Amino acid sequence: MNKQSFLRDRRPAWERFESLLTRAEAPSKPKLAPDEVSEFSELFRALCYDLAQVRSRDWGSAIERYLNDLVVRGHGAFYGGKPMKRGSVTVFFTHVFPRLLRQNQAFFWVAAALFFVPMAASWAIIASDPSLAHRVLPGSVLYTMERMYEGNATESAADADADSDSDSGSGFGRQDAAMAGFYIKHNTSIAFQCFALGFFLGIGTIYVLLSNGIQIGTVAGYVIAQGHGERFLGFVVSHSSFELTAIVVSGAAGLVLGHAILAPGNLSRMDSLRERGRVAVQLALGAAGMLFVAAMIEGFWSAQPLPLMVKYVVASIFWLAVIAYLGFAGRGDDPR
């Protein structure tokens, strides 16, 4: 499906959702009838999937902003979320989010297995036989990834000198900036899909975790097998702790949504989705915060031309920080 046919087919549903959303947000009553609430829910799930499609196919920032705004407004109307007060953002990240993740750790560990196991397996398999990478990813993608990380020390120095005029000696060249931009966009997209596709009984979340674990492992195994391991690991190792963990947390949020629909317990599926949806959204917000930290590390540290051992030491510190944060933050008295 091309962009024009996609917009033609999906725009009526977006306009219908926006009309229902406007009524749901209005202070006057009555708002939506029971059958309209059901329609709103279905349109909201479809809208999340549409946004994921637009992001994955890079069909333009304008349509992405429009759909993202509808998703944000739709969540507020559907779950009845209230905006955070000043200071509550700090409380959320220091207490609420890590506590909530530990309370739902079963979903986290399932998501971690679905993501890290295929990533490790594909990494090992491709590293031993790089030709198998072409069965997972197109040759053009593999070529692009290899080009991003190729270059010996002399070439890297030349690249740095060539970039010094435009980058003012920052040590952050155009090629490194391109790598940073690629990973920020790519992994943010993965995290969003992991969460949003949980509406489809969790099946979409499972697929995204498995497929992206395989693809990331394939890229890592292939690039390293081509002799670019030092440059590749030097770039990704530092921010991987926050970035990969955030993807898993987003996967856990998606699984929470799927479980709410599949196993509502004594509640109706709609009530279960409302109740567990609040939990899932808070987990997704926590993952967004971790992705922000990863982006900062990626932009200001990962591309710096430092010895690989220094990068490994810092990466170890970051991994310990993530483990300590998720495992121990928020214990004790609740400051709210």
C-alpha atoms as a PDB file:
ATOM      1  CA  MET A   1       0.000   0.000   0.000  1.00  0.00           C
ATOM      2  CA  ASN A   2       1.404   3.405  -0.970  1.00  0.00           C
ATOM      3  CA  LYS A   3       0.998   6.625   0.976  1.00  0.00           C
ATOM      4  CA  GLN A   4      -1.855   8.000  -1.123  1.00  0.00           C
ATOM      5  CA  SER A   5      -4.049   4.898  -0.871  1.00  0.00           C
ATOM      6  CA  PHE A   6      -3.261   4.586   2.850  1.00  0.00           C
ATOM      7  CA  LEU A   7      -4.387   8.157   3.518  1.00  0.00           C
ATOM      8  CA  ARG A   8      -7.478   7.746   1.355  1.00  0.00           C
ATOM      9  CA  ASP A   9      -8.543   4.548   3.120  1.00  0.00           C
ATOM     10  CA  ARG A  10      -7.735   5.581   6.692  1.00  0.00           C
ATOM     11  CA  ARG A  11      -8.634   9.284   6.808  1.00  0.00           C
ATOM     12  CA  PRO A  12     -12.413   8.691   7.325  1.00  0.00           C
ATOM     13  CA  ALA A  13     -11.645   6.597  10.425  1.00  0.00           C
ATOM     14  CA  TRP A  14      -9.373   9.327  11.800  1.00  0.00           C
ATOM     15  CA  GLU A  15     -12.018  11.980  11.234  1.00  0.00           C
ATOM     16  CA  ARG A  16     -14.650   9.815  12.927  1.00  0.00           C
ATOM     17  CA  PHE A  17     -12.322   9.243  15.881  1.00  0.00           C
ATOM     18  CA  GLU A  18     -11.596  12.964  16.112  1.00  0.00           C
ATOM     19  CA  SER A  19     -15.301  13.777  16.191  1.00  0.00           C
ATOM     20  CA  LEU A  20     -15.898  11.272  19.004  1.00  0.00           C
ATOM     21  CA  LEU A  21     -12.819  12.554  20.803  1.00  0.00           C
ATOM     22  CA  THR A  22     -14.036  16.146  20.669  1.00  0.00           C
ATOM     23  CA  ARG A  23     -17.311  15.104  22.289  1.00  0.00           C
ATOM     24  CA  ALA A  24     -15.516  12.991  24.892  1.00  0.00           C
ATOM     25  CA  GLU A  25     -13.304  15.934  25.855  1.00  0.00           C
ATOM     26  CA  ALA A  26     -16.220  18.387  26.091  1.00  0.00           C
ATOM     27  CA  PRO A  27     -17.171  19.401  29.669  1.00  0.00           C
ATOM     28  CA  SER A  28     -20.876  19.163  28.900  1.00  0.00           C
ATOM     29  CA  LYS A  29     -22.887  15.964  29.320  1.00  0.00           C
ATOM     30  CA  PRO A  30     -23.955  13.513  28.062  1.00  0.00           C
ATOM     31  CA  LYS A  31     -20.769  12.522  26.258  1.00  0.00           C
ATOM     32  CA  LEU A  32     -20.604   9.169  24.462  1.00  0.00           C
ATOM     33  CA  ALA A  33     -23.244   6.446  24.369  1.00  0.00           C
ATOM     34  CA  PRO A  34     -22.165   2.879  25.282  1.00  0.00           C
ATOM     35  CA  ASP A  35     -21.982   1.799  21.634  1.00  0.00           C
ATOM     36  CA  GLU A  36     -19.917   4.894  20.853  1.00  0.00           C
ATOM     37  CA  VAL A  37     -17.496   4.040  23.672  1.00  0.00           C
ATOM     38  CA  SER A  38     -16.976   0.636  22.069  1.00  0.00           C
ATOM     39  CA  GLU A  39     -16.458   2.284  18.673  1.00  0.00           C
ATOM     40  CA  PHE A  40     -14.044   4.766  20.252  1.00  0.00           C
ATOM     41  CA  SER A  41     -11.986   1.895  21.673  1.00  0.00           C
ATOM     42  CA  GLU A  42     -11.774   0.109  18.326  1.00  0.00           C
ATOM     43  CA  LEU A  43     -10.850   3.291  16.469  1.00  0.00           C
ATOM     44  CA  PHE A  44      -8.211   4.089  19.100  1.00  0.00           C
ATOM     45  CA  ARG A  45      -6.521   0.703  18.667  1.00  0.00           C
ATOM     46  CA  ALA A  46      -6.559   1.132  14.884  1.00  0.00           C
ATOM     47  CA  LEU A  47      -5.163   4.654  15.242  1.00  0.00           C
ATOM     48  CA  CYS A  48      -2.203   3.385  17.293  1.00  0.00           C
ATOM     49  CA  TYR A  49      -1.477   0.839  14.577  1.00  0.00           C
ATOM     50  CA  ASP A  50      -1.744   3.515  11.870  1.00  0.00           C
ATOM     51  CA  LEU A  51       0.746   5.715  13.706  1.00  0.00           C
ATOM     52  CA  ALA A  52       3.171   2.809  13.945  1.00  0.00           C
ATOM     53  CA  GLN A  53       2.770   2.241  10.197  1.00  0.00           C
ATOM     54  CA  VAL A  54       3.450   5.895   9.375  1.00  0.00           C
ATOM     55  CA  ARG A  55       6.525   5.966  11.578  1.00  0.00           C
ATOM     56  CA  SER A  56       7.968   2.735  10.193  1.00  0.00           C
ATOM     57  CA  ARG A  57       7.498   3.863   6.582  1.00  0.00           C
ATOM     58  CA  ASP A  58       8.645   7.457   7.157  1.00  0.00           C
ATOM     59  CA  TRP A  59       5.662   8.998   5.365  1.00  0.00           C
ATOM     60  CA  GLY A  60       6.179  12.503   6.641  1.00  0.00           C
ATOM     61  CA  SER A  61       6.358  14.392   9.906  1.00  0.00           C
ATOM     62  CA  ALA A  62       3.095  16.303   9.379  1.00  0.00           C
ATOM     63  CA  ILE A  63       0.863  13.215   9.268  1.00  0.00           C
ATOM     64  CA  GLU A  64       2.904  11.645  12.091  1.00  0.00           C
ATOM     65  CA  ARG A  65       2.357  14.706  14.316  1.00  0.00           C
ATOM     66  CA  TYR A  66      -1.361  14.684  13.519  1.00  0.00           C
ATOM     67  CA  LEU A  67      -1.783  11.019  14.448  1.00  0.00           C
ATOM     68  CA  ASN A  68       0.460  11.317  17.493  1.00  0.00           C
ATOM     69  CA  ASP A  69      -1.649  14.215  18.771  1.00  0.00           C
ATOM     70  CA  LEU A  70      -4.810  12.137  18.332  1.00  0.00           C
ATOM     71  CA  VAL A  71      -3.235   9.214  20.196  1.00  0.00           C
ATOM     72  CA  VAL A  72      -2.169  11.430  23.115  1.00  0.00           C
ATOM     73  CA  ARG A  73      -5.585  13.105  23.326  1.00  0.00           C
ATOM     74  CA  GLY A  74      -7.324   9.757  22.874  1.00  0.00           C
ATOM     75  CA  HIS A  75      -5.411   8.234  25.745  1.00  0.00           C
ATOM     76  CA  GLY A  76      -6.336  11.111  28.029  1.00  0.00           C
ATOM     77  CA  ALA A  77     -10.003  10.776  27.147  1.00  0.00           C
ATOM     78  CA  PHE A  78     -10.083   6.970  27.253  1.00  0.00           C
ATOM     79  CA  TYR A  79      -8.211   6.429  30.502  1.00  0.00           C
ATOM     80  CA  GLY A  80      -9.233   9.649  32.217  1.00  0.00           C
ATOM     81  CA  GLY A  81      -5.622  10.542  32.904  1.00  0.00           C
ATOM     82  CA  LYS A  82      -4.891  13.773  34.752  1.00  0.00           C
ATOM     83  CA  PRO A  83      -1.886  15.942  33.945  1.00  0.00           C
ATOM     84  CA  MET A  84       1.019  15.666  36.351  1.00  0.00           C
ATOM     85  CA  LYS A  85       1.530  18.425  38.875  1.00  0.00           C
ATOM     86  CA  ARG A  86       4.834  20.201  39.178  1.00  0.00           C
ATOM     87  CA  GLY A  87       7.304  18.017  40.997  1.00  0.00           C
ATOM     88  CA  SER A  88       5.300  14.879  40.338  1.00  0.00           C
ATOM     89  CA  VAL A  89       7.462  14.076  37.309  1.00  0.00           C
ATOM     90  CA  THR A  90      10.416  13.591  39.636  1.00  0.00           C
ATOM     91  CA  VAL A  91       8.307  11.478  41.980  1.00  0.00           C
ATOM     92  CA  PHE A  92       7.100   9.407  39.050  1.00  0.00           C
ATOM     93  CA  PHE A  93      10.585   8.517  37.843  1.00  0.00           C
ATOM     94  CA  THR A  94      12.159   8.103  41.282  1.00  0.00           C
ATOM     95  CA  HIS A  95       9.323   6.145  42.920  1.00  0.00           C
ATOM     96  CA  VAL A  96       6.211   5.351  40.887  1.00  0.00           C
ATOM     97  CA  PHE A  97       7.737   3.921  37.717  1.00  0.00           C
ATOM     98  CA  PRO A  98      10.336   1.547  39.249  1.00  0.00           C
ATOM     99  CA  ARG A  99       7.792   0.324  41.826  1.00  0.00           C
ATOM    100  CA  LEU A 100       5.197  -0.290  39.141  1.00  0.00           C
ATOM    101  CA  LEU A 101       7.673  -2.194  37.008  1.00  0.00           C
ATOM    102  CA  ARG A 102       8.600  -4.454  39.915  1.00  0.00           C
ATOM    103  CA  GLN A 103       4.919  -5.098  40.588  1.00  0.00           C
ATOM    104  CA  ASN A 104       4.570  -6.226  36.970  1.00  0.00           C
ATOM    105  CA  GLN A 105       7.953  -7.893  36.668  1.00  0.00           C
ATOM    106  CA  ALA A 106       6.503 -11.095  35.202  1.00  0.00           C
ATOM    107  CA  PHE A 107       5.611  -9.153  32.046  1.00  0.00           C
ATOM    108  CA  PHE A 108       9.066  -7.572  32.050  1.00  0.00           C
ATOM    109  CA  TRP A 109      10.875 -10.916  32.184  1.00  0.00           C
ATOM    110  CA  VAL A 110       8.692 -12.397  29.454  1.00  0.00           C
ATOM    111  CA  ALA A 111       9.397  -9.370  27.252  1.00  0.00           C
ATOM    112  CA  ALA A 112      13.116  -9.610  28.050  1.00  0.00           C
ATOM    113  CA  ALA A 113      13.183 -13.268  26.983  1.00  0.00           C
ATOM    114  CA  LEU A 114      11.269 -12.502  23.780  1.00  0.00           C
ATOM    115  CA  PHE A 115      13.769  -9.766  22.893  1.00  0.00           C
ATOM    116  CA  PHE A 116      17.189 -10.770  24.225  1.00  0.00           C
ATOM    117  CA  VAL A 117      17.125 -14.515  23.506  1.00  0.00           C
ATOM    118  CA  PRO A 118      16.543 -14.184  19.729  1.00  0.00           C
ATOM    119  CA  MET A 119      18.975 -11.250  19.657  1.00  0.00           C
ATOM    120  CA  ALA A 120      21.742 -13.302  21.268  1.00  0.00           C
ATOM    121  CA  ALA A 121      20.976 -16.366  19.137  1.00  0.00           C
ATOM    122  CA  SER A 122      20.940 -14.457  15.835  1.00  0.00           C
ATOM    123  CA  TRP A 123      24.097 -12.572  16.842  1.00  0.00           C
ATOM    124  CA  ALA A 124      25.965 -15.852  17.453  1.00  0.00           C
ATOM    125  CA  ILE A 125      24.640 -17.546  14.314  1.00  0.00           C
ATOM    126  CA  ILE A 126      25.405 -14.641  11.975  1.00  0.00           C
ATOM    127  CA  ALA A 127      28.830 -14.102  13.530  1.00  0.00           C
ATOM    128  CA  SER A 128      29.717 -17.719  12.672  1.00  0.00           C
ATOM    129  CA  ASP A 129      28.232 -17.555   9.154  1.00  0.00           C
ATOM    130  CA  PRO A 130      27.727 -13.946   7.917  1.00  0.00           C
ATOM    131  CA  SER A 131      26.161 -15.123   4.647  1.00  0.00           C
ATOM    132  CA  LEU A 132      23.006 -16.037   6.588  1.00  0.00           C
ATOM    133  CA  ALA A 133      22.414 -12.340   7.309  1.00  0.00           C
ATOM    134  CA  HIS A 134      21.001 -11.915   3.803  1.00  0.00           C
ATOM    135  CA  ARG A 135      18.165 -14.278   4.733  1.00  0.00           C
ATOM    136  CA  VAL A 136      17.094 -11.917   7.504  1.00  0.00           C
ATOM    137  CA  LEU A 137      17.736  -8.435   6.092  1.00  0.00           C
ATOM    138  CA  PRO A 138      17.986  -7.050   2.556  1.00  0.00           C
ATOM    139  CA  GLY A 139      21.479  -6.663   1.160  1.00  0.00           C
ATOM    140  CA  SER A 140      20.974  -2.900   0.882  1.00  0.00           C
ATOM    141  CA  VAL A 141      20.359  -2.649   4.627  1.00  0.00           C
ATOM    142  CA  LEU A 142      23.421  -4.727   5.461  1.00  0.00           C
ATOM    143  CA  TYR A 143      25.534  -2.650   3.074  1.00  0.00           C
ATOM    144  CA  THR A 144      24.332   0.561   4.683  1.00  0.00           C
ATOM    145  CA  MET A 145      25.058  -0.716   8.189  1.00  0.00           C
ATOM    146  CA  GLU A 146      28.528  -1.892   7.168  1.00  0.00           C
ATOM    147  CA  ARG A 147      29.298   1.470   5.565  1.00  0.00           C
ATOM    148  CA  MET A 148      28.241   3.233   8.757  1.00  0.00           C
ATOM    149  CA  TYR A 149      30.904   1.455  10.777  1.00  0.00           C
ATOM    150  CA  GLU A 150      33.685   0.750   8.295  1.00  0.00           C
ATOM    151  CA  GLY A 151      36.999   2.564   8.326  1.00  0.00           C
ATOM    152  CA  ASN A 152      40.360   2.005   9.935  1.00  0.00           C
ATOM    153  CA  ALA A 153      42.069   4.336  12.357  1.00  0.00           C
ATOM    154  CA  THR A 154      43.619   6.426   9.587  1.00  0.00           C
ATOM    155  CA  GLU A 155      40.293   6.861   7.820  1.00  0.00           C
ATOM    156  CA  SER A 156      38.592   7.743  11.075  1.00  0.00           C
ATOM    157  CA  ALA A 157      41.184  10.419  11.733  1.00  0.00           C
ATOM    158  CA  ALA A 158      40.673  11.782   8.249  1.00  0.00           C
ATOM    159  CA  ASP A 159      36.921  11.834   8.800  1.00  0.00           C
ATOM    160  CA  ALA A 160      37.431  13.733  12.029  1.00  0.00           C
ATOM    161  CA  ASP A 161      39.666  16.303  10.308  1.00  0.00           C
ATOM    162  CA  ALA A 162      37.180  16.699   7.469  1.00  0.00           C
ATOM    163  CA  ASP A 163      34.357  17.285   9.929  1.00  0.00           C
ATOM    164  CA  SER A 164      36.289  19.653  12.181  1.00  0.00           C
ATOM    165  CA  ASP A 165      35.392  22.749  10.153  1.00  0.00           C
ATOM    166  CA  SER A 166      31.650  22.167  10.456  1.00  0.00           C
ATOM    167  CA  ASP A 167      31.611  20.632  13.932  1.00  0.00           C
ATOM    168  CA  SER A 168      34.074  23.062  15.575  1.00  0.00           C
ATOM    169  CA  GLY A 169      36.284  20.307  16.965  1.00  0.00           C
ATOM    170  CA  SER A 170      33.507  18.695  18.963  1.00  0.00           C
ATOM    171  CA  GLY A 171      34.652  15.167  18.090  1.00  0.00           C
ATOM    172  CA  PHE A 172      31.152  14.397  16.886  1.00  0.00           C
ATOM    173  CA  GLY A 173      31.361  14.021  13.093  1.00  0.00           C
ATOM    174  CA  ARG A 174      28.620  14.010  10.496  1.00  0.00           C
ATOM    175  CA  GLN A 175      28.766  10.231  10.127  1.00  0.00           C
ATOM    176  CA  ASP A 176      28.523   9.752  13.900  1.00  0.00           C
ATOM    177  CA  ALA A 177      25.582  12.161  13.995  1.00  0.00           C
ATOM    178  CA  ALA A 178      23.898  10.101  11.289  1.00  0.00           C
ATOM    179  CA  MET A 179      24.415   6.931  13.331  1.00  0.00           C
ATOM    180  CA  ALA A 180      22.998   8.595  16.439  1.00  0.00           C
ATOM    181  CA  GLY A 181      19.968   9.868  14.551  1.00  0.00           C
ATOM    182  CA  PHE A 182      19.347   6.463  13.017  1.00  0.00           C
ATOM    183  CA  TYR A 183      19.394   4.631  16.335  1.00  0.00           C
ATOM    184  CA  ILE A 184      17.277   7.198  18.178  1.00  0.00           C
ATOM    185  CA  LYS A 185      14.553   7.081  15.538  1.00  0.00           C
ATOM    186  CA  HIS A 186      14.759   3.311  15.054  1.00  0.00           C
ATOM    187  CA  ASN A 187      14.629   2.288  18.700  1.00  0.00           C
ATOM    188  CA  THR A 188      11.998   4.868  19.632  1.00  0.00           C
ATOM    189  CA  SER A 189       9.848   3.421  16.849  1.00  0.00           C
ATOM    190  CA  ILE A 190      10.394  -0.112  18.166  1.00  0.00           C
ATOM    191  CA  ALA A 191       9.439   0.932  21.699  1.00  0.00           C
ATOM    192  CA  PHE A 192       6.262   2.658  20.529  1.00  0.00           C
ATOM    193  CA  GLN A 193       5.223  -0.349  18.450  1.00  0.00           C
ATOM    194  CA  CYS A 194       5.874  -2.703  21.381  1.00  0.00           C
ATOM    195  CA  PHE A 195       3.447  -0.703  23.498  1.00  0.00           C
ATOM    196  CA  ALA A 196       0.791   0.291  20.965  1.00  0.00           C
ATOM    197  CA  LEU A 197       0.429  -3.138  19.349  1.00  0.00           C
ATOM    198  CA  GLY A 198      -0.370  -4.644  22.744  1.00  0.00           C
ATOM    199  CA  PHE A 199      -3.972  -3.689  21.928  1.00  0.00           C
ATOM    200  CA  PHE A 200      -3.996  -6.605  19.487  1.00  0.00           C
ATOM    201  CA  LEU A 201      -4.135  -9.200  22.288  1.00  0.00           C
ATOM    202  CA  GLY A 202      -0.396  -8.809  22.839  1.00  0.00           C
ATOM    203  CA  ILE A 203       0.356 -10.625  19.580  1.00  0.00           C
ATOM    204  CA  GLY A 204       1.694  -7.479  17.934  1.00  0.00           C
ATOM    205  CA  THR A 205       3.995  -6.844  20.892  1.00  0.00           C
ATOM    206  CA  ILE A 206       5.359 -10.391  20.768  1.00  0.00           C
ATOM    207  CA  TYR A 207       6.025 -10.090  17.039  1.00  0.00           C
ATOM    208  CA  VAL A 208       7.840  -6.745  17.388  1.00  0.00           C
ATOM    209  CA  LEU A 209      10.042  -8.043  20.222  1.00  0.00           C
ATOM    210  CA  LEU A 210      10.959 -11.238  18.385  1.00  0.00           C
ATOM    211  CA  SER A 211      11.535  -9.699  14.966  1.00  0.00           C
ATOM    212  CA  ASN A 212      13.549  -6.755  16.222  1.00  0.00           C
ATOM    213  CA  GLY A 213      15.613  -8.939  18.539  1.00  0.00           C
ATOM    214  CA  ILE A 214      16.525 -11.057  15.508  1.00  0.00           C
ATOM    215  CA  GLN A 215      17.238  -8.027  13.322  1.00  0.00           C
ATOM    216  CA  ILE A 216      19.396  -6.244  15.909  1.00  0.00           C
ATOM    217  CA  GLY A 217      21.338  -9.451  16.586  1.00  0.00           C
ATOM    218  CA  THR A 218      21.787  -9.966  12.847  1.00  0.00           C
ATOM    219  CA  VAL A 219      23.180  -6.467  12.327  1.00  0.00           C
ATOM    220  CA  ALA A 220      25.555  -6.828  15.288  1.00  0.00           C
ATOM    221  CA  GLY A 221      26.800 -10.248  14.206  1.00  0.00           C
ATOM    222  CA  TYR A 222      27.229  -9.177  10.580  1.00  0.00           C
ATOM    223  CA  VAL A 223      29.008  -5.867  11.227  1.00  0.00           C
ATOM    224  CA  ILE A 224      31.395  -7.470  13.704  1.00  0.00           C
ATOM    225  CA  ALA A 225      32.073 -10.402  11.334  1.00  0.00           C
ATOM    226  CA  GLN A 226      33.044  -7.869   8.648  1.00  0.00           C
ATOM    227  CA  GLY A 227      35.799  -6.565  10.928  1.00  0.00           C
ATOM    228  CA  HIS A 228      34.114  -3.432  12.257  1.00  0.00           C
ATOM    229  CA  GLY A 229      33.562  -4.682  15.799  1.00  0.00           C
ATOM    230  CA  GLU A 230      35.623  -2.049  17.578  1.00  0.00           C
ATOM    231  CA  ARG A 231      33.834   0.872  15.900  1.00  0.00           C
ATOM    232  CA  PHE A 232      30.414  -0.760  16.286  1.00  0.00           C
ATOM    233  CA  LEU A 233      30.808  -1.710  19.943  1.00  0.00           C
ATOM    234  CA  GLY A 234      32.498   1.583  20.739  1.00  0.00           C
ATOM    235  CA  PHE A 235      29.387   3.386  19.562  1.00  0.00           C
ATOM    236  CA  VAL A 236      26.539   1.221  20.899  1.00  0.00           C
ATOM    237  CA  VAL A 237      27.886  -0.223  24.139  1.00  0.00           C
ATOM    238  CA  SER A 238      27.472   2.876  26.322  1.00  0.00           C
ATOM    239  CA  HIS A 239      23.813   3.699  25.692  1.00  0.00           C
ATOM    240  CA  SER A 240      22.616   0.119  25.157  1.00  0.00           C
ATOM    241  CA  SER A 241      21.753  -0.327  28.834  1.00  0.00           C
ATOM    242  CA  PHE A 242      19.073   2.373  28.820  1.00  0.00           C
ATOM    243  CA  GLU A 243      17.961   1.892  25.214  1.00  0.00           C
ATOM    244  CA  LEU A 244      17.527  -1.888  25.120  1.00  0.00           C
ATOM    245  CA  THR A 245      15.991  -1.982  28.589  1.00  0.00           C
ATOM    246  CA  ALA A 246      13.509   0.711  27.526  1.00  0.00           C
ATOM    247  CA  ILE A 247      12.443  -1.457  24.573  1.00  0.00           C
ATOM    248  CA  VAL A 248      11.834  -4.363  26.953  1.00  0.00           C
ATOM    249  CA  VAL A 249       9.845  -2.133  29.328  1.00  0.00           C
ATOM    250  CA  SER A 250       7.722  -0.980  26.381  1.00  0.00           C
ATOM    251  CA  GLY A 251       7.197  -4.631  25.509  1.00  0.00           C
ATOM    252  CA  ALA A 252       6.089  -5.301  29.074  1.00  0.00           C
ATOM    253  CA  ALA A 253       3.586  -2.437  28.756  1.00  0.00           C
ATOM    254  CA  GLY A 254       2.204  -3.974  25.565  1.00  0.00           C
ATOM    255  CA  LEU A 255       1.896  -7.384  27.217  1.00  0.00           C
ATOM    256  CA  VAL A 256      -0.002  -5.781  30.111  1.00  0.00           C
ATOM    257  CA  LEU A 257      -2.527  -4.430  27.597  1.00  0.00           C
ATOM    258  CA  GLY A 258      -2.850  -7.784  25.863  1.00  0.00           C
ATOM    259  CA  HIS A 259      -3.305  -9.605  29.161  1.00  0.00           C
ATOM    260  CA  ALA A 260      -5.995  -7.122  30.226  1.00  0.00           C
ATOM    261  CA  ILE A 261      -8.023  -8.081  27.159  1.00  0.00           C
ATOM    262  CA  LEU A 262      -7.351 -11.819  27.247  1.00  0.00           C
ATOM    263  CA  ALA A 263      -7.752 -12.310  31.006  1.00  0.00           C
ATOM    264  CA  PRO A 264     -10.013  -9.577  32.427  1.00  0.00           C
ATOM    265  CA  GLY A 265     -10.872 -11.639  35.522  1.00  0.00           C
ATOM    266  CA  ASN A 266     -14.022 -10.464  37.258  1.00  0.00           C
ATOM    267  CA  LEU A 267     -14.073  -7.222  35.288  1.00  0.00           C
ATOM    268  CA  SER A 268     -15.522  -6.597  31.874  1.00  0.00           C
ATOM    269  CA  ARG A 269     -12.923  -6.372  29.142  1.00  0.00           C
ATOM    270  CA  MET A 270     -13.551  -2.639  28.850  1.00  0.00           C
ATOM    271  CA  ASP A 271     -13.084  -2.065  32.601  1.00  0.00           C
ATOM    272  CA  SER A 272     -10.032  -4.325  32.633  1.00  0.00           C
ATOM    273  CA  LEU A 273      -8.513  -2.396  29.740  1.00  0.00           C
ATOM    274  CA  ARG A 274      -9.169   0.892  31.495  1.00  0.00           C
ATOM    275  CA  GLU A 275      -7.645  -0.288  34.779  1.00  0.00           C
ATOM    276  CA  ARG A 276      -4.627  -2.115  33.361  1.00  0.00           C
ATOM    277  CA  GLY A 277      -4.273   0.469  30.611  1.00  0.00           C
ATOM    278  CA  ARG A 278      -3.274   3.063  33.190  1.00  0.00           C
ATOM    279  CA  VAL A 279      -0.506   0.728  34.362  1.00  0.00           C
ATOM    280  CA  ALA A 280       0.643   0.088  30.793  1.00  0.00           C
ATOM    281  CA  VAL A 281       0.742   3.795  29.958  1.00  0.00           C
ATOM    282  CA  GLN A 282       2.812   4.567  33.050  1.00  0.00           C
ATOM    283  CA  LEU A 283       5.269   1.832  32.085  1.00  0.00           C
ATOM    284  CA  ALA A 284       5.453   3.273  28.578  1.00  0.00           C
ATOM    285  CA  LEU A 285       6.130   6.743  30.010  1.00  0.00           C
ATOM    286  CA  GLY A 286       8.935   5.300  32.101  1.00  0.00           C
ATOM    287  CA  ALA A 287      10.383   3.681  28.996  1.00  0.00           C
ATOM    288  CA  ALA A 288      10.189   7.042  27.217  1.00  0.00           C
ATOM    289  CA  GLY A 289      12.233   8.588  30.008  1.00  0.00           C
ATOM    290  CA  MET A 290      14.869   5.875  29.653  1.00  0.00           C
ATOM    291  CA  LEU A 291      14.980   6.443  25.893  1.00  0.00           C
ATOM    292  CA  PHE A 292      15.578  10.137  26.551  1.00  0.00           C
ATOM    293  CA  VAL A 293      18.562   9.296  28.771  1.00  0.00           C
ATOM    294  CA  ALA A 294      19.837   6.901  26.085  1.00  0.00           C
ATOM    295  CA  ALA A 295      19.537   9.654  23.471  1.00  0.00           C
ATOM    296  CA  MET A 296      21.578  12.025  25.635  1.00  0.00           C
ATOM    297  CA  ILE A 297      24.304   9.424  26.104  1.00  0.00           C
ATOM    298  CA  GLU A 298      24.161   8.644  22.398  1.00  0.00           C
ATOM    299  CA  GLY A 299      24.466  12.248  21.358  1.00  0.00           C
ATOM    300  CA  PHE A 300      27.126  13.452  23.791  1.00  0.00           C
ATOM    301  CA  TRP A 301      29.181  10.378  24.657  1.00  0.00           C
ATOM    302  CA  SER A 302      28.783   7.310  22.440  1.00  0.00           C
ATOM    303  CA  ALA A 303      30.397   8.815  19.334  1.00  0.00           C
ATOM    304  CA  GLN A 304      33.386  10.315  21.157  1.00  0.00           C
ATOM    305  CA  PRO A 305      36.736   8.898  19.908  1.00  0.00           C
ATOM    306  CA  LEU A 306      37.837   7.281  23.168  1.00  0.00           C
ATOM    307  CA  PRO A 307      39.609   3.958  23.835  1.00  0.00           C
ATOM    308  CA  LEU A 308      37.273   0.984  23.736  1.00  0.00           C
ATOM    309  CA  MET A 309      38.211  -0.026  27.283  1.00  0.00           C
ATOM    310  CA  VAL A 310      37.002   3.352  28.548  1.00  0.00           C
ATOM    311  CA  LYS A 311      33.682   2.782  26.767  1.00  0.00           C
ATOM    312  CA  TYR A 312      33.408  -0.687  28.359  1.00  0.00           C
ATOM    313  CA  VAL A 313      34.026   0.674  31.860  1.00  0.00           C
ATOM    314  CA  VAL A 314      31.434   3.420  31.432  1.00  0.00           C
ATOM    315  CA  ALA A 315      28.980   0.941  29.892  1.00  0.00           C
ATOM    316  CA  SER A 316      29.389  -1.344  32.918  1.00  0.00           C
ATOM    317  CA  ILE A 317      28.620   1.589  35.204  1.00  0.00           C
ATOM    318  CA  PHE A 318      25.501   2.407  33.186  1.00  0.00           C
ATOM    319  CA  TRP A 319      24.273  -1.209  33.310  1.00  0.00           C
ATOM    320  CA  LEU A 320      24.777  -1.299  37.079  1.00  0.00           C
ATOM    321  CA  ALA A 321      22.921   2.017  37.351  1.00  0.00           C
ATOM    322  CA  VAL A 322      19.957   0.665  35.358  1.00  0.00           C
ATOM    323  CA  ILE A 323      19.820  -2.529  37.435  1.00  0.00           C
ATOM    324  CA  ALA A 324      20.048  -0.589  40.699  1.00  0.00           C
ATOM    325  CA  TYR A 325      17.431   1.921  39.561  1.00  0.00           C
ATOM    326  CA  LEU A 326      14.839  -0.620  38.451  1.00  0.00           C
ATOM    327  CA  GLY A 327      15.574  -2.981  41.323  1.00  0.00           C
ATOM    328  CA  PHE A 328      15.801  -0.611  44.262  1.00  0.00           C
ATOM    329  CA  ALA A 329      14.510   2.888  43.439  1.00  0.00           C
ATOM    330  CA  GLY A 330      11.272   3.865  45.156  1.00  0.00           C
ATOM    331  CA  ARG A 331      11.614   1.545  48.119  1.00  0.00           C
ATOM    332  CA  GLY A 332      10.617   3.089  51.419  1.00  0.00           C
ATOM    333  CA  ASP A 333       8.097   5.842  52.065  1.00  0.00           C
ATOM    334  CA  ASP A 334       5.992   7.133  49.197  1.00  0.00           C
ATOM    335  CA  PRO A 335       6.638  10.913  48.921  1.00  0.00           C
ATOM    336  CA  ARG A 336       3.263  11.611  47.260  1.00  0.00           C
END
